[in-house]
């Protein structure tokens, strides 16, 4: 039997930072990873460039996690975005800001370099990294946990479950941690894909794949009640709406909800009024030319006019009230029925997981089982795109690692 002060299950960002922090505090630590190498989820972050955090103070970060954001207050204060940047700087891989996005990346823009640095740090602290390990069962007997694998049994006073969620199952996050947490007595909020594209009924932008809008208003509705409204970038694909603004809003999609996108930054009423005024001034102006003032892509204008059954050479004075209102609606307030969001293969994170009321936000320790710490995406917390989820995972790991006690021998 192999004995440690702490065993961390899962080699993603939350597990790695739990292990690093506990080892720095003198604990004998083992990191168990079911894949052939640690850091698989880090490798796919930011399309391989590894977006690690974002600009902003901890208080500003809390709004990025929806109604559960307050749970992260202690974690983000104990290990802030500035502290994460300082960690990488001190360890030889400074982070750089991509100005327009507010995102921070390693200066090499390589997730491989991030994983290599973290592995080197773990090894320098003598954390035992055990890869290709499949856990068969976990039990708690008296004050200690027993972790059973095919070949070995491990024993520890502190156990951290940092297994991730169900998004990106190809990198190993297949929901194993939910089974472990449930077997230890925790309630699991049903996991759902989050940060995914949104599919709508009668999508008509198939030919416009690749066209994007940098800052448009996106609103989700359900039964004529506004669920959420946010501004952000939108990308049109062959089959769905995507881009950071859509991905962020996908976390709030409910059954029977609708998506509304305002492409021109004006209300239905204002656009309608402006086009009437322009018609009175210069009715001979071609409608298509008039629409160029809203900086809409040419191909997009063509598709919108086609959808409204309006000829491209139509003059403003020839536009009927009915067609004007239809065009106004398509550009400013067209509600589309959401048929689905992307599946776990498409999702960047998981919504749902271990219920937060069962975890102490000041320590990340289970309120039900002493010595058990739950960190990262296994918990029912998820954030916007842009580095917020990795920052949360690292902060929770640091908080957990600081909260653990060394075993008295």
Protein backbone atom coordinates (compact mmCIF):
# COMPACT_ATOMS: atom_id res chain seq x y z
CA UNK A 1 0.00 0.00 0.00
CA UNK A 2 1.31 3.43 -1.00
CA UNK A 3 0.70 6.17 1.56
CA UNK A 4 0.58 9.96 1.04
CA UNK A 5 -0.59 13.08 2.87
CA UNK A 6 -2.58 14.02 -0.22
CA UNK A 7 -3.73 12.23 -3.32
CA UNK A 8 -5.03 14.36 -6.17
CA UNK A 9 -7.22 12.59 -8.72
CA UNK A 10 -7.00 14.38 -12.07
CA UNK A 11 -4.10 16.13 -13.80
CA UNK A 12 -5.85 19.19 -15.20
CA UNK A 13 -5.22 22.78 -14.01
CA UNK A 14 -7.17 22.46 -10.74
CA UNK A 15 -5.46 19.19 -9.80
CA UNK A 16 -1.99 20.41 -10.73
CA UNK A 17 -2.30 23.62 -8.69
CA UNK A 18 -3.73 21.68 -5.73
CA UNK A 19 -0.71 19.37 -5.84
CA UNK A 20 1.82 22.18 -6.27
CA UNK A 21 0.42 24.24 -3.37
CA UNK A 22 0.12 21.29 -0.97
CA UNK A 23 3.64 20.12 -1.80
CA UNK A 24 4.99 23.63 -1.20
CA UNK A 25 3.36 23.42 2.23
CA UNK A 26 5.29 20.24 3.02
CA UNK A 27 2.74 17.55 2.20
CA UNK A 28 3.75 14.29 0.53
CA UNK A 29 1.64 14.34 -2.64
CA UNK A 30 0.71 11.94 -5.41
CA UNK A 31 -1.09 13.03 -8.58
CA UNK A 32 -3.13 10.27 -10.23
CA UNK A 33 -4.04 10.72 -13.90
CA UNK A 34 -6.01 8.22 -16.00
CA UNK A 35 -4.53 9.46 -19.29
CA UNK A 36 -1.04 8.71 -20.54
CA UNK A 37 0.03 12.23 -19.58
CA UNK A 38 -1.16 15.06 -17.38
CA UNK A 39 -2.47 18.35 -18.76
CA UNK A 40 -4.59 17.09 -21.67
CA UNK A 41 -7.29 19.70 -21.05
CA UNK A 42 -4.64 22.43 -20.90
CA UNK A 43 -3.29 21.31 -24.28
CA UNK A 44 -6.57 22.14 -26.05
CA UNK A 45 -7.12 25.47 -24.24
CA UNK A 46 -7.26 28.46 -26.55
CA UNK A 47 -6.96 26.21 -29.61
CA UNK A 48 -3.55 25.09 -28.41
CA UNK A 49 -2.31 28.60 -27.62
CA UNK A 50 -3.47 28.28 -24.00
CA UNK A 51 -5.52 31.27 -22.88
CA UNK A 52 -4.82 31.12 -19.13
CA UNK A 53 -6.55 34.16 -17.66
CA UNK A 54 -8.08 37.54 -18.44
CA UNK A 55 -7.69 41.18 -17.51
CA UNK A 56 -9.64 42.38 -14.49
CA UNK A 57 -9.60 42.26 -10.71
CA UNK A 58 -11.07 39.31 -8.76
CA UNK A 59 -14.27 41.29 -8.06
CA UNK A 60 -14.81 41.83 -11.81
CA UNK A 61 -14.26 38.11 -12.44
CA UNK A 62 -17.14 37.05 -10.19
CA UNK A 63 -19.75 38.34 -12.66
CA UNK A 64 -18.36 36.03 -15.34
CA UNK A 65 -19.61 32.86 -13.61
CA UNK A 66 -23.33 33.64 -13.47
CA UNK A 67 -25.33 33.20 -10.29
CA UNK A 68 -22.70 30.86 -8.77
CA UNK A 69 -19.87 33.37 -9.09
CA UNK A 70 -19.96 34.37 -5.42
CA UNK A 71 -18.73 30.87 -4.54
CA UNK A 72 -15.33 31.79 -6.04
CA UNK A 73 -14.77 34.97 -4.02
CA UNK A 74 -12.32 33.43 -1.54
CA UNK A 75 -10.50 31.40 -4.17
CA UNK A 76 -9.96 34.37 -6.50
CA UNK A 77 -8.81 36.58 -3.62
CA UNK A 78 -6.33 33.94 -2.40
CA UNK A 79 -4.97 33.36 -5.93
CA UNK A 80 -5.86 36.27 -8.18
CA UNK A 81 -5.21 36.69 -11.93
CA UNK A 82 -2.16 38.80 -11.03
CA UNK A 83 -0.84 35.98 -8.85
CA UNK A 84 -1.30 33.47 -11.68
CA UNK A 85 0.67 35.77 -13.99
CA UNK A 86 3.36 36.12 -11.31
CA UNK A 87 3.55 32.31 -10.95
CA UNK A 88 4.30 31.82 -14.65
CA UNK A 89 6.71 34.75 -14.75
CA UNK A 90 8.70 33.39 -11.80
CA UNK A 91 8.84 29.96 -13.41
CA UNK A 92 10.22 31.23 -16.70
CA UNK A 93 7.17 31.57 -18.96
CA UNK A 94 5.74 35.12 -18.79
CA UNK A 95 2.17 35.70 -19.91
CA UNK A 96 1.38 38.29 -22.56
CA UNK A 97 -1.82 40.27 -23.07
CA UNK A 98 -3.57 40.20 -26.41
CA UNK A 99 -4.88 43.77 -26.20
CA UNK A 100 -8.16 43.61 -28.10
CA UNK A 101 -9.37 40.47 -26.36
CA UNK A 102 -8.22 41.02 -22.78
CA UNK A 103 -6.84 37.46 -22.82
CA UNK A 104 -3.48 36.38 -21.43
CA UNK A 105 -1.40 33.70 -23.16
CA UNK A 106 2.08 32.30 -22.54
CA UNK A 107 4.61 34.36 -24.51
CA UNK A 108 5.31 31.34 -26.72
CA UNK A 109 1.57 30.85 -27.43
CA UNK A 110 2.09 27.13 -26.82
CA UNK A 111 0.06 24.98 -24.44
CA UNK A 112 2.83 22.37 -24.68
CA UNK A 113 5.17 24.83 -22.94
CA UNK A 114 2.61 25.40 -20.18
CA UNK A 115 2.24 21.68 -19.49
CA UNK A 116 6.04 21.19 -19.58
CA UNK A 117 6.51 24.00 -17.04
CA UNK A 118 3.85 22.62 -14.70
CA UNK A 119 5.25 19.10 -14.89
CA UNK A 120 8.73 20.39 -14.14
CA UNK A 121 7.36 22.32 -11.14
CA UNK A 122 5.59 19.22 -9.79
CA UNK A 123 8.75 17.14 -10.16
CA UNK A 124 10.86 19.80 -8.42
CA UNK A 125 8.49 19.54 -5.45
CA UNK A 126 8.78 15.72 -5.52
CA UNK A 127 5.10 15.21 -6.33
CA UNK A 128 4.71 11.65 -7.56
CA UNK A 129 3.00 11.81 -10.96
CA UNK A 130 1.30 8.50 -11.68
CA UNK A 131 -0.17 8.36 -15.17
CA UNK A 132 -2.34 5.77 -16.91
CA UNK A 133 -4.04 4.99 -13.58
CA UNK A 134 -7.63 3.77 -13.55
CA UNK A 135 -9.40 4.10 -10.21
CA UNK A 136 -11.81 1.27 -9.44
CA UNK A 137 -13.14 2.38 -6.06
CA UNK A 138 -12.68 4.93 -3.26
CA UNK A 139 -13.57 4.30 0.38
CA UNK A 140 -13.15 6.28 3.58
CA UNK A 141 -12.33 4.26 6.68
CA UNK A 142 -12.00 6.24 9.91
CA UNK A 143 -9.81 9.26 9.07
CA UNK A 144 -8.25 7.93 5.88
CA UNK A 145 -9.17 7.34 2.26
CA UNK A 146 -8.38 4.17 0.40
CA UNK A 147 -8.07 4.44 -3.38
CA UNK A 148 -8.19 1.12 -5.20
CA UNK A 149 -6.73 0.72 -8.68
CA UNK A 150 -6.14 -2.36 -10.80
CA UNK A 151 -2.57 -2.80 -9.54
CA UNK A 152 -2.25 -0.79 -6.33
CA UNK A 153 -4.02 0.56 -3.28
CA UNK A 154 -3.29 4.11 -2.13
CA UNK A 155 -3.91 5.59 1.30
CA UNK A 156 -4.19 9.27 2.26
CA UNK A 157 -5.62 11.65 4.84
CA UNK A 158 -6.49 14.28 2.24
CA UNK A 159 -8.12 13.47 -1.08
CA UNK A 160 -8.78 15.97 -3.87
CA UNK A 161 -11.14 15.16 -6.72
CA UNK A 162 -10.08 17.31 -9.69
CA UNK A 163 -11.35 15.15 -12.54
CA UNK A 164 -13.01 17.85 -14.64
CA UNK A 165 -16.48 17.63 -16.17
CA UNK A 166 -17.73 15.96 -19.35
CA UNK A 167 -16.71 18.47 -22.02
CA UNK A 168 -13.95 17.46 -24.45
CA UNK A 169 -14.37 13.73 -23.64
CA UNK A 170 -11.56 13.06 -26.13
CA UNK A 171 -9.05 14.40 -23.59
CA UNK A 172 -10.37 12.14 -20.85
CA UNK A 173 -13.02 14.25 -19.13
CA UNK A 174 -15.81 11.72 -19.29
CA UNK A 175 -17.58 12.39 -15.99
CA UNK A 176 -15.72 9.82 -13.85
CA UNK A 177 -15.46 12.28 -11.00
CA UNK A 178 -19.23 12.56 -10.66
CA UNK A 179 -19.41 8.82 -10.02
CA UNK A 180 -16.65 9.07 -7.39
CA UNK A 181 -18.22 12.09 -5.67
CA UNK A 182 -21.65 10.48 -5.68
CA UNK A 183 -20.26 7.25 -4.18
CA UNK A 184 -18.83 9.38 -1.36
CA UNK A 185 -22.26 10.89 -0.69
CA UNK A 186 -22.35 14.08 -2.78
CA UNK A 187 -25.31 15.37 -4.79
CA UNK A 188 -24.69 15.90 -8.51
CA UNK A 189 -26.49 18.62 -10.46
CA UNK A 190 -27.13 16.99 -13.89
CA UNK A 191 -24.23 17.94 -16.20
CA UNK A 192 -24.99 19.84 -19.42
CA UNK A 193 -22.74 21.11 -22.24
CA UNK A 194 -21.76 24.78 -21.90
CA UNK A 195 -19.81 27.24 -24.03
CA UNK A 196 -21.16 25.67 -27.21
CA UNK A 197 -22.63 26.89 -30.51
CA UNK A 198 -26.39 27.47 -30.65
CA UNK A 199 -28.57 25.79 -33.29
CA UNK A 200 -31.85 27.41 -34.38
CA UNK A 201 -34.86 26.34 -36.42
CA UNK A 202 -34.77 27.38 -40.12
CA UNK A 203 -31.19 28.66 -39.99
CA UNK A 204 -30.61 30.56 -43.25
CA UNK A 205 -26.95 31.61 -43.10
CA UNK A 206 -25.43 28.39 -44.48
CA UNK A 207 -23.69 30.26 -47.30
CA UNK A 208 -22.15 32.82 -44.95
CA UNK A 209 -19.85 30.52 -42.97
CA UNK A 210 -16.90 32.51 -41.64
CA UNK A 211 -18.62 35.90 -41.48
CA UNK A 212 -18.37 37.45 -38.03
CA UNK A 213 -19.67 40.46 -36.12
CA UNK A 214 -17.43 41.93 -33.44
CA UNK A 215 -19.83 43.38 -30.89
CA UNK A 216 -23.54 42.73 -31.27
CA UNK A 217 -26.39 42.43 -28.78
CA UNK A 218 -27.43 38.84 -28.05
CA UNK A 219 -30.60 38.14 -26.09
CA UNK A 220 -32.12 34.89 -24.86
CA UNK A 221 -35.90 34.75 -24.33
CA UNK A 222 -38.27 32.24 -22.83
CA UNK A 223 -42.04 32.73 -22.97
CA UNK A 224 -41.49 36.44 -23.72
CA UNK A 225 -39.32 36.84 -20.64
CA UNK A 226 -35.71 37.90 -21.04
CA UNK A 227 -33.31 35.26 -19.67
CA UNK A 228 -30.10 37.18 -20.34
CA UNK A 229 -28.74 39.89 -22.62
CA UNK A 230 -25.06 40.34 -23.44
CA UNK A 231 -22.94 41.98 -26.09
CA UNK A 232 -20.21 40.00 -27.81
CA UNK A 233 -18.72 38.62 -31.02
CA UNK A 234 -20.87 36.34 -33.22
CA UNK A 235 -19.61 33.94 -35.87
CA UNK A 236 -21.82 32.44 -38.58
CA UNK A 237 -21.03 28.82 -39.50
CA UNK A 238 -22.53 26.35 -41.98
CA UNK A 239 -25.02 25.09 -39.39
CA UNK A 240 -25.19 27.36 -36.34
CA UNK A 241 -24.34 30.56 -34.51
CA UNK A 242 -20.97 30.54 -32.76
CA UNK A 243 -18.30 32.97 -31.55
CA UNK A 244 -17.52 34.07 -27.95
CA UNK A 245 -20.78 36.00 -27.47
CA UNK A 246 -22.88 32.99 -28.47
CA UNK A 247 -20.74 30.53 -26.50
CA UNK A 248 -21.07 32.61 -23.33
CA UNK A 249 -24.85 32.86 -23.71
CA UNK A 250 -25.22 29.13 -24.45
CA UNK A 251 -24.71 28.48 -20.72
CA UNK A 252 -28.14 30.03 -20.06
CA UNK A 253 -30.18 28.27 -22.77
CA UNK A 254 -33.27 26.54 -21.37
CA UNK A 255 -35.88 24.32 -22.99
CA UNK A 256 -38.14 26.23 -25.41
CA UNK A 257 -35.98 29.34 -25.39
CA UNK A 258 -35.35 31.75 -28.27
CA UNK A 259 -32.29 33.57 -29.58
CA UNK A 260 -32.36 37.18 -30.74
CA UNK A 261 -29.42 38.97 -32.36
CA UNK A 262 -29.26 42.69 -33.10
CA UNK A 263 -26.73 43.05 -35.93
CA UNK A 264 -26.72 46.85 -36.21
CA UNK A 265 -26.79 48.16 -32.63
CA UNK A 266 -30.06 50.05 -33.08
CA UNK A 267 -33.54 49.29 -31.84
CA UNK A 268 -36.30 48.18 -34.19
CA UNK A 269 -38.05 51.53 -33.71
CA UNK A 270 -34.91 53.63 -34.36
CA UNK A 271 -33.99 51.71 -37.53
CA UNK A 272 -37.56 51.98 -38.82
CA UNK A 273 -37.65 55.71 -38.09
CA UNK A 274 -34.26 56.35 -39.72
CA UNK A 275 -35.14 54.54 -42.92
CA UNK A 276 -38.41 56.51 -43.20
CA UNK A 277 -36.51 59.78 -42.74
CA UNK A 278 -33.93 58.79 -45.36
CA UNK A 279 -36.71 57.82 -47.78
CA UNK A 280 -38.26 61.27 -47.37
CA UNK A 281 -34.87 62.88 -48.06
CA UNK A 282 -33.69 60.69 -50.94
CA UNK A 283 -36.24 58.14 -52.07
CA UNK A 284 -34.17 57.28 -55.15
CA UNK A 285 -31.34 55.85 -53.05
CA UNK A 286 -30.88 52.09 -53.48
CA UNK A 287 -31.82 50.26 -50.28
CA UNK A 288 -28.78 47.98 -50.50
CA UNK A 289 -26.48 51.04 -50.62
CA UNK A 290 -28.31 52.57 -47.64
CA UNK A 291 -27.60 49.44 -45.56
CA UNK A 292 -23.84 49.81 -46.08
CA UNK A 293 -23.76 52.56 -43.44
CA UNK A 294 -24.26 49.87 -40.80
CA UNK A 295 -20.97 48.21 -41.80
CA UNK A 296 -22.69 44.96 -42.68
CA UNK A 297 -20.80 42.50 -44.91
CA UNK A 298 -21.98 42.58 -48.52
CA UNK A 299 -22.79 38.87 -48.58
CA UNK A 300 -24.81 39.24 -45.38
CA UNK A 301 -26.87 42.10 -46.85
CA UNK A 302 -27.65 39.97 -49.91
CA UNK A 303 -28.88 37.05 -47.78
CA UNK A 304 -31.01 39.30 -45.56
CA UNK A 305 -32.63 40.98 -48.58
CA UNK A 306 -33.25 37.57 -50.13
CA UNK A 307 -34.82 36.30 -46.90
CA UNK A 308 -37.16 39.33 -46.86
CA UNK A 309 -37.87 38.81 -50.58
CA UNK A 310 -36.60 42.31 -51.41
CA UNK A 311 -34.85 42.97 -54.75
CA UNK A 312 -31.25 44.15 -54.46
CA UNK A 313 -31.84 47.14 -56.78
CA UNK A 314 -34.96 48.34 -54.95
CA UNK A 315 -35.11 52.09 -54.22
CA UNK A 316 -36.06 53.32 -50.74
CA UNK A 317 -39.26 54.89 -52.08
CA UNK A 318 -40.29 51.51 -53.49
CA UNK A 319 -40.00 49.72 -50.12
CA UNK A 320 -43.44 48.91 -48.73
CA UNK A 321 -44.28 49.35 -45.06
CA UNK A 322 -44.64 45.60 -44.70
CA UNK A 323 -41.22 44.88 -46.20
CA UNK A 324 -39.59 47.72 -44.24
CA UNK A 325 -40.88 46.27 -40.97
CA UNK A 326 -39.80 42.77 -41.96
CA UNK A 327 -36.30 44.03 -42.77
CA UNK A 328 -36.17 45.98 -39.49
CA UNK A 329 -37.09 42.86 -37.58
CA UNK A 330 -34.48 40.68 -39.33
CA UNK A 331 -31.71 43.16 -38.55
CA UNK A 332 -32.63 44.19 -35.00
CA UNK A 333 -35.01 41.81 -33.25
CA UNK A 334 -35.62 38.56 -35.09
CA UNK A 335 -36.33 35.83 -32.54
CA UNK A 336 -35.32 32.35 -33.59
CA UNK A 337 -36.42 29.14 -31.93
CA UNK A 338 -33.43 27.34 -30.37
CA UNK A 339 -33.45 23.67 -31.31
CA UNK A 340 -30.35 22.64 -29.33
CA UNK A 341 -26.90 23.61 -28.13
CA UNK A 342 -23.75 21.70 -29.05
CA UNK A 343 -23.03 18.34 -27.41
CA UNK A 344 -20.20 17.55 -24.97
CA UNK A 345 -17.80 17.00 -27.88
CA UNK A 346 -18.37 20.63 -28.92
CA UNK A 347 -18.63 22.11 -25.41
CA UNK A 348 -15.67 23.90 -23.83
CA UNK A 349 -16.92 23.41 -20.28
CA UNK A 350 -19.59 21.58 -18.32
CA UNK A 351 -22.53 23.20 -16.54
CA UNK A 352 -23.62 21.19 -13.48
CA UNK A 353 -21.64 18.90 -11.22
CA UNK A 354 -21.18 18.59 -7.46
CA UNK A 355 -23.69 20.85 -5.68
CA UNK A 356 -21.92 23.93 -4.32
CA UNK A 357 -23.88 24.02 -1.07
CA UNK A 358 -22.03 20.82 -0.10
CA UNK A 359 -18.56 22.42 -0.41
CA UNK A 360 -16.97 25.05 1.83
CA UNK A 361 -16.01 27.99 -0.44
CA UNK A 362 -13.38 29.17 2.07
CA UNK A 363 -11.40 25.90 1.89
CA UNK A 364 -12.85 23.79 -1.00
CA UNK A 365 -13.36 20.99 1.55
CA UNK A 366 -16.49 18.88 1.45
CA UNK A 367 -19.03 19.76 4.13
CA UNK A 368 -20.06 16.10 4.19
CA UNK A 369 -16.71 14.30 4.32
CA UNK A 370 -13.72 15.76 6.15
CA UNK A 371 -10.47 15.59 4.21
CA UNK A 372 -12.20 15.49 0.83
CA UNK A 373 -11.56 18.51 -1.41
CA UNK A 374 -13.44 19.17 -4.65
CA UNK A 375 -11.93 21.56 -7.17
CA UNK A 376 -12.37 22.70 -10.73
CA UNK A 377 -14.95 21.69 -13.27
CA UNK A 378 -16.27 18.76 -11.21
CA UNK A 379 -18.18 21.46 -9.30
CA UNK A 380 -21.38 23.13 -10.49
CA UNK A 381 -19.63 26.29 -11.65
CA UNK A 382 -18.71 27.50 -15.12
CA UNK A 383 -17.60 30.80 -16.61
CA UNK A 384 -17.41 32.78 -19.82
CA UNK A 385 -14.80 32.17 -22.49
CA UNK A 386 -11.55 34.09 -22.27
CA UNK A 387 -9.50 32.32 -19.58
CA UNK A 388 -12.07 32.56 -16.80
CA UNK A 389 -12.49 28.81 -16.38
CA UNK A 390 -8.77 28.01 -16.17
CA UNK A 391 -8.27 30.88 -13.72
CA UNK A 392 -11.10 29.55 -11.54
CA UNK A 393 -9.65 26.03 -11.65
CA UNK A 394 -6.16 27.22 -10.65
CA UNK A 395 -7.55 29.46 -7.87
CA UNK A 396 -9.66 26.65 -6.41
CA UNK A 397 -6.65 24.34 -6.51
CA UNK A 398 -4.45 26.83 -4.65
CA UNK A 399 -7.15 27.44 -2.02
CA UNK A 400 -7.59 23.69 -1.46
CA UNK A 401 -3.83 23.11 -1.26
CA UNK A 402 -3.46 25.85 1.37
CA UNK A 403 -6.30 24.40 3.44
CA UNK A 404 -4.94 20.86 3.91
CA UNK A 405 -3.18 19.53 6.97
CA UNK A 406 -0.09 17.35 6.95
CA UNK A 407 -0.51 13.90 8.46
CA UNK A 408 1.07 13.47 11.88
CA UNK A 409 3.40 10.49 11.88
